Amino acid sequence: MAEAVALPRTAPGARGAVLQEYGVYLAVAVLVVFNLAFTANFWSAANLRTQLVQAAPVVIVAVGMALVIGTEGIDLSVGAVMALVSALIPLYLGYGVGVAFVVALAAGAVSGLFSGTLVAVLGVQPIVATLALLVGLRGLGLVIAHGQLVDIHDTALLDLGGGAVLGIPVIVWFAAGAAALGGLLVGRTTFGRQLVAIGGNRSAAALAGLPVRRVLITVYVLCGVLAALAGLLATARLRAGDPADTGQLMELSAITAVVVGGTPLTGGRVRVLGTVAGALLMQLVRATLIKHDLPDSTAQMVQAALIVVAVYTARERSTR
């Protein structure tokens, strides 16, 4: 009697690792193919432009969030930073768009410096430190704007929100630049290696002589600056300063993009390209369902399911 030969199988752990590594790209590809087949005018220049423009602010904020999560932290204040910037910009446009730009980024940097100091120096839990800013900064923005929407007519600023270079929207160029900067920091610099080491084991990193406090503060400052940049661009797109609505739930969108993109909440790893793909995936899910006459609430439920799958896959990988 012939001996049965077992065929090689892919181990469940290996399948999980493949899903963790490439699942977000596969999901984006599947959605693109589906829309090409079943969604009218999906490949039109106008539609592609719309999808990229809507995803761009999330990409910008999510890159900063990925750096923070890579250190085993989190920043819930990014939406509030955007709101504060939206209130500040109309106050300084009279001095020129350059001054308003610098003030906006400085506000984000100061916010990140504050939360980073709380986390790195005083030992406050990141979720607590940034939750306080989430509440306080949006309230400050509303006080500055007196709770009112302020119209903006500065052409130079409006061009940042609605202009294009080489046929590509300016806001998309900013998103690409943020992603390139994040990828460069993580993959090509000593700072990036220190960031990942601290996220993997902060105590061991400190014992090895790494500048833990400096790296943590820098990461939160970068996240704040990128959130401020997104707030400035969102204000330019809206053509008004609106601290009540600007950046609403942006922290959740950014965290979703990071987690779905493969960066674990436990730190020690940062996937910038995966984060960009995660932001595009969330935008494609929402756009696809809406274009097929399903309510936005359905898109939110699908996004929630994707988060659960991503977190579960990351947990399985960590366990292995």
Protein backbone atom coordinates (compact mmCIF):
# COMPACT_ATOMS: atom_id res chain seq x y z
CA MET A 1 0.00 0.00 0.00
CA ALA A 2 1.42 3.32 -1.07
CA GLU A 3 2.30 5.77 1.67
CA ALA A 4 0.24 8.94 1.66
CA VAL A 5 2.27 12.09 1.09
CA ALA A 6 1.13 15.22 2.93
CA LEU A 7 0.96 18.29 0.77
CA PRO A 8 2.67 21.39 2.17
CA ARG A 9 0.33 23.88 3.71
CA THR A 10 0.74 27.48 4.66
CA ALA A 11 0.85 27.68 8.43
CA PRO A 12 -1.81 29.83 10.06
CA GLY A 13 0.94 31.99 11.55
CA ALA A 14 2.48 32.53 8.14
CA ARG A 15 -0.88 33.46 6.67
CA GLY A 16 -1.38 35.93 9.50
CA ALA A 17 2.03 37.44 8.86
CA VAL A 18 1.26 37.84 5.16
CA LEU A 19 -2.09 39.44 6.00
CA GLN A 20 -0.39 41.81 8.43
CA GLU A 21 2.30 42.73 5.92
CA TYR A 22 0.34 43.06 2.68
CA GLY A 23 -3.35 42.94 3.60
CA VAL A 24 -3.94 46.69 3.31
CA TYR A 25 -2.44 46.82 -0.19
CA LEU A 26 -4.51 43.82 -1.26
CA ALA A 27 -7.66 45.46 0.11
CA VAL A 28 -6.94 48.69 -1.79
CA ALA A 29 -6.33 46.70 -4.98
CA VAL A 30 -9.58 44.75 -4.57
CA LEU A 31 -11.57 47.95 -4.04
CA VAL A 32 -9.98 49.59 -7.08
CA VAL A 33 -10.79 46.58 -9.27
CA PHE A 34 -14.36 46.47 -7.92
CA ASN A 35 -14.89 50.16 -8.66
CA LEU A 36 -13.41 49.87 -12.12
CA ALA A 37 -15.92 47.13 -12.86
CA PHE A 38 -19.04 48.43 -11.14
CA THR A 39 -18.72 52.17 -10.40
CA ALA A 40 -19.42 54.61 -13.19
CA ASN A 41 -16.72 57.20 -13.92
CA PHE A 42 -14.45 55.85 -11.19
CA TRP A 43 -11.34 56.24 -13.34
CA SER A 44 -12.21 59.78 -14.40
CA ALA A 45 -9.69 62.47 -13.56
CA ALA A 46 -12.29 64.42 -11.58
CA ASN A 47 -13.15 61.43 -9.37
CA LEU A 48 -9.53 60.45 -8.75
CA ARG A 49 -8.74 64.03 -7.85
CA THR A 50 -11.65 64.10 -5.40
CA GLN A 51 -10.59 60.87 -3.69
CA LEU A 52 -6.99 62.01 -3.31
CA VAL A 53 -7.95 65.45 -2.01
CA GLN A 54 -10.29 63.97 0.59
CA ALA A 55 -7.68 61.45 1.75
CA ALA A 56 -4.79 63.94 1.84
CA PRO A 57 -5.48 65.56 5.26
CA VAL A 58 -5.85 62.13 6.85
CA VAL A 59 -2.53 61.05 5.32
CA ILE A 60 -0.76 64.12 6.70
CA VAL A 61 -2.09 63.63 10.22
CA ALA A 62 -1.72 59.84 10.12
CA VAL A 63 1.99 60.05 9.30
CA GLY A 64 2.56 62.00 12.51
CA MET A 65 0.28 59.63 14.40
CA ALA A 66 2.27 56.64 13.11
CA LEU A 67 5.47 58.10 14.56
CA VAL A 68 3.79 58.56 17.95
CA ILE A 69 2.23 55.09 17.94
CA GLY A 70 5.64 53.68 16.98
CA THR A 71 6.86 54.81 20.42
CA GLU A 72 3.90 53.02 22.07
CA GLY A 73 2.12 56.35 22.49
CA ILE A 74 -0.96 57.99 21.06
CA ASP A 75 -2.04 61.56 20.31
CA LEU A 76 -5.74 62.34 20.66
CA SER A 77 -5.20 66.09 20.26
CA VAL A 78 -4.58 66.23 16.49
CA GLY A 79 -8.16 67.24 15.59
CA ALA A 80 -8.14 69.93 18.29
CA VAL A 81 -4.83 71.27 16.94
CA MET A 82 -6.48 71.59 13.53
CA ALA A 83 -9.38 73.47 15.13
CA LEU A 84 -7.04 75.87 16.94
CA VAL A 85 -5.13 76.54 13.72
CA SER A 86 -8.40 77.22 11.91
CA ALA A 87 -9.17 79.90 14.49
CA LEU A 88 -5.69 81.45 14.42
CA ILE A 89 -5.22 81.76 10.66
CA PRO A 90 -7.79 84.56 10.04
CA LEU A 91 -6.16 86.62 12.81
CA TYR A 92 -2.74 86.63 11.13
CA LEU A 93 -3.60 86.69 7.41
CA GLY A 94 -3.38 90.49 7.52
CA TYR A 95 0.38 90.12 8.01
CA GLY A 96 0.67 87.85 4.99
CA VAL A 97 0.09 84.17 4.30
CA GLY A 98 3.69 83.39 5.25
CA VAL A 99 3.20 84.74 8.76
CA ALA A 100 -0.09 82.87 9.13
CA PHE A 101 1.64 79.69 7.94
CA VAL A 102 4.43 80.05 10.50
CA VAL A 103 1.99 80.85 13.32
CA ALA A 104 -0.07 77.77 12.45
CA LEU A 105 2.94 75.43 12.49
CA ALA A 106 4.26 77.06 15.66
CA ALA A 107 0.93 76.42 17.38
CA GLY A 108 1.16 72.76 16.43
CA ALA A 109 4.75 72.57 17.63
CA VAL A 110 3.91 74.14 21.00
CA SER A 111 1.01 71.74 21.43
CA GLY A 112 3.27 68.78 20.66
CA LEU A 113 5.95 70.14 22.98
CA PHE A 114 3.44 70.38 25.81
CA SER A 115 2.05 66.86 25.38
CA GLY A 116 5.51 65.41 24.73
CA THR A 117 6.84 66.98 27.93
CA LEU A 118 3.94 65.57 29.91
CA VAL A 119 4.64 62.10 28.54
CA ALA A 120 8.46 62.07 28.46
CA VAL A 121 9.36 64.17 31.49
CA LEU A 122 6.43 63.92 33.89
CA GLY A 123 5.50 60.34 33.00
CA VAL A 124 1.84 61.09 32.22
CA GLN A 125 0.10 58.41 30.16
CA PRO A 126 -0.11 59.57 26.51
CA ILE A 127 -3.87 59.04 26.33
CA VAL A 128 -4.38 61.25 29.40
CA ALA A 129 -1.97 63.98 28.32
CA THR A 130 -3.42 64.32 24.84
CA LEU A 131 -7.03 63.90 25.95
CA ALA A 132 -6.63 67.07 28.01
CA LEU A 133 -5.43 68.91 24.91
CA LEU A 134 -8.25 67.44 22.83
CA VAL A 135 -10.73 69.25 25.06
CA GLY A 136 -8.72 72.37 25.80
CA LEU A 137 -7.41 73.33 22.37
CA ARG A 138 -10.76 73.14 20.59
CA GLY A 139 -12.27 75.23 23.39
CA LEU A 140 -9.45 77.77 22.99
CA GLY A 141 -10.11 77.91 19.26
CA LEU A 142 -13.78 78.61 19.84
CA VAL A 143 -12.91 81.39 22.29
CA ILE A 144 -10.48 82.98 19.81
CA ALA A 145 -13.05 82.86 17.00
CA HIS A 146 -15.89 83.89 19.35
CA GLY A 147 -17.70 80.74 18.25
CA GLN A 148 -18.15 82.10 14.73
CA LEU A 149 -17.12 81.01 11.26
CA VAL A 150 -14.75 83.58 9.69
CA ASP A 151 -14.63 83.82 5.89
CA ILE A 152 -11.21 83.89 4.21
CA HIS A 153 -10.53 85.75 0.97
CA ASP A 154 -6.73 85.63 0.78
CA THR A 155 -5.91 84.28 -2.68
CA ALA A 156 -2.53 82.86 -1.74
CA LEU A 157 -4.01 80.79 1.08
CA LEU A 158 -6.98 79.66 -0.98
CA ASP A 159 -4.58 78.41 -3.66
CA LEU A 160 -3.12 76.02 -1.09
CA GLY A 161 -6.54 74.45 -0.64
CA GLY A 162 -7.80 74.52 -4.22
CA GLY A 163 -4.78 75.04 -6.45
CA ALA A 164 -2.80 72.49 -8.44
CA VAL A 165 0.78 72.00 -9.60
CA LEU A 166 1.37 69.90 -12.71
CA GLY A 167 -2.30 68.97 -12.58
CA ILE A 168 -2.03 67.52 -9.07
CA PRO A 169 -3.76 69.35 -6.20
CA VAL A 170 -1.40 71.23 -3.90
CA ILE A 171 -2.85 69.46 -0.86
CA VAL A 172 -1.91 66.10 -2.39
CA TRP A 173 1.67 67.32 -2.88
CA PHE A 174 1.77 68.22 0.81
CA ALA A 175 0.48 64.76 1.73
CA ALA A 176 3.11 63.10 -0.47
CA GLY A 177 5.80 65.27 1.11
CA ALA A 178 4.66 64.35 4.63
CA ALA A 179 4.71 60.65 3.74
CA ALA A 180 8.16 60.95 2.16
CA LEU A 181 9.48 62.78 5.23
CA GLY A 182 8.03 60.16 7.56
CA GLY A 183 9.46 57.32 5.52
CA LEU A 184 12.87 58.99 5.42
CA LEU A 185 12.90 59.57 9.18
CA VAL A 186 11.93 56.00 10.02
CA GLY A 187 13.96 54.16 7.43
CA ARG A 188 17.07 56.27 6.89
CA THR A 189 17.96 58.13 10.07
CA THR A 190 19.35 57.40 13.51
CA PHE A 191 16.33 59.17 14.94
CA GLY A 192 14.03 56.65 13.26
CA ARG A 193 15.98 53.70 14.63
CA GLN A 194 15.89 55.23 18.10
CA LEU A 195 12.14 55.80 17.80
CA VAL A 196 11.51 52.15 16.94
CA ALA A 197 13.84 50.92 19.68
CA ILE A 198 12.07 53.04 22.29
CA GLY A 199 8.70 51.75 21.16
CA GLY A 200 9.93 48.17 21.32
CA ASN A 201 11.31 48.43 24.86
CA ARG A 202 11.65 51.85 26.49
CA SER A 203 13.50 50.58 29.55
CA ALA A 204 16.07 48.73 27.47
CA ALA A 205 16.48 51.77 25.23
CA ALA A 206 17.18 53.97 28.25
CA LEU A 207 19.70 51.46 29.62
CA ALA A 208 21.40 51.44 26.22
CA GLY A 209 21.88 55.19 26.49
CA LEU A 210 19.34 56.31 23.92
CA PRO A 211 17.94 59.86 24.39
CA VAL A 212 14.46 58.62 25.27
CA ARG A 213 13.03 61.93 26.47
CA ARG A 214 14.34 63.90 23.52
CA VAL A 215 13.02 61.40 20.99
CA LEU A 216 9.59 61.24 22.60
CA ILE A 217 9.24 65.03 22.76
CA THR A 218 10.40 65.35 19.14
CA VAL A 219 7.86 62.76 17.99
CA TYR A 220 4.97 64.63 19.61
CA VAL A 221 6.21 67.94 18.20
CA LEU A 222 6.32 66.46 14.70
CA CYS A 223 2.82 65.07 15.13
CA GLY A 224 1.58 68.49 16.26
CA VAL A 225 3.23 70.27 13.33
CA LEU A 226 1.71 67.85 10.81
CA ALA A 227 -1.72 68.26 12.42
CA ALA A 228 -1.31 72.03 12.19
CA LEU A 229 -0.39 71.73 8.52
CA ALA A 230 -3.51 69.64 7.91
CA GLY A 231 -5.58 72.24 9.76
CA LEU A 232 -4.19 75.04 7.62
CA LEU A 233 -4.94 73.15 4.41
CA ALA A 234 -8.41 72.18 5.63
CA THR A 235 -9.12 75.84 6.42
CA ALA A 236 -7.94 76.83 2.95
CA ARG A 237 -10.22 74.22 1.38
CA LEU A 238 -13.19 75.36 3.45
CA ARG A 239 -12.34 79.01 2.67
CA ALA A 240 -13.14 79.88 6.29
CA GLY A 241 -11.87 79.54 9.81
CA ASP A 242 -14.20 77.13 11.59
CA PRO A 243 -12.86 75.72 14.87
CA ALA A 244 -16.21 74.08 15.63
CA ASP A 245 -16.03 71.59 12.75
CA THR A 246 -12.43 71.55 11.51
CA GLY A 247 -10.65 68.36 12.52
CA GLN A 248 -13.73 66.68 14.00
CA LEU A 249 -12.91 62.98 14.62
CA MET A 250 -9.59 63.37 12.79
CA GLU A 251 -7.82 61.57 15.62
CA LEU A 252 -9.98 58.49 14.98
CA SER A 253 -9.43 58.63 11.22
CA ALA A 254 -5.67 58.92 11.69
CA ILE A 255 -5.47 56.09 14.23
CA THR A 256 -7.57 53.92 11.92
CA ALA A 257 -5.24 54.56 8.98
CA VAL A 258 -2.19 53.74 11.11
CA VAL A 259 -3.61 50.53 12.59
CA VAL A 260 -5.10 49.25 9.34
CA GLY A 261 -1.80 50.10 7.66
CA GLY A 262 0.02 47.62 9.89
CA THR A 263 1.64 49.72 12.62
CA PRO A 264 0.92 47.94 15.93
CA LEU A 265 -0.49 49.90 18.86
CA THR A 266 2.15 48.23 21.03
CA GLY A 267 4.90 50.22 19.31
CA GLY A 268 8.28 49.08 18.05
CA ARG A 269 7.35 49.33 14.37
CA VAL A 270 6.27 52.08 11.99
CA ARG A 271 4.84 51.46 8.53
CA VAL A 272 4.57 54.81 6.77
CA LEU A 273 3.64 53.43 3.35
CA GLY A 274 1.10 51.13 4.99
CA THR A 275 -0.35 54.16 6.79
CA VAL A 276 -0.82 55.97 3.48
CA ALA A 277 -2.49 52.85 2.06
CA GLY A 278 -4.68 52.66 5.17
CA ALA A 279 -5.88 56.24 4.66
CA LEU A 280 -6.62 55.54 0.99
CA LEU A 281 -8.45 52.33 1.93
CA MET A 282 -10.72 54.14 4.40
CA GLN A 283 -11.50 56.81 1.80
CA LEU A 284 -12.20 54.20 -0.89
CA VAL A 285 -14.49 52.22 1.42
CA ARG A 286 -16.53 55.31 2.22
CA ALA A 287 -16.66 56.54 -1.39
CA THR A 288 -17.56 53.10 -2.76
CA LEU A 289 -20.47 52.57 -0.38
CA ILE A 290 -21.82 56.08 -0.91
CA LYS A 291 -21.60 55.75 -4.70
CA HIS A 292 -23.64 52.55 -4.42
CA ASP A 293 -26.38 54.31 -2.45
CA LEU A 294 -25.44 53.02 0.98
CA PRO A 295 -25.48 55.49 3.89
CA ASP A 296 -22.33 56.88 5.47
CA SER A 297 -23.21 54.99 8.66
CA THR A 298 -22.60 51.74 6.77
CA ALA A 299 -19.14 52.94 5.82
CA GLN A 300 -18.42 53.65 9.46
CA MET A 301 -19.43 50.11 10.43
CA VAL A 302 -17.21 48.63 7.72
CA GLN A 303 -14.32 50.78 8.89
CA ALA A 304 -14.91 49.58 12.45
CA ALA A 305 -14.77 45.97 11.25
CA LEU A 306 -11.49 46.67 9.45
CA ILE A 307 -10.02 48.11 12.64
CA VAL A 308 -10.99 44.97 14.59
CA VAL A 309 -9.41 42.73 11.94
CA ALA A 310 -6.23 44.83 11.87
CA VAL A 311 -5.86 44.88 15.65
CA TYR A 312 -6.54 41.13 15.90
CA THR A 313 -3.98 40.37 13.19
CA ALA A 314 -1.40 42.58 14.91
CA ARG A 315 -2.07 40.83 18.23
CA GLU A 316 -1.61 37.42 16.67
CA ARG A 317 1.66 38.53 15.11
CA SER A 318 2.85 39.91 18.47
CA THR A 319 1.91 36.66 20.24
CA ARG A 320 3.92 34.64 17.73
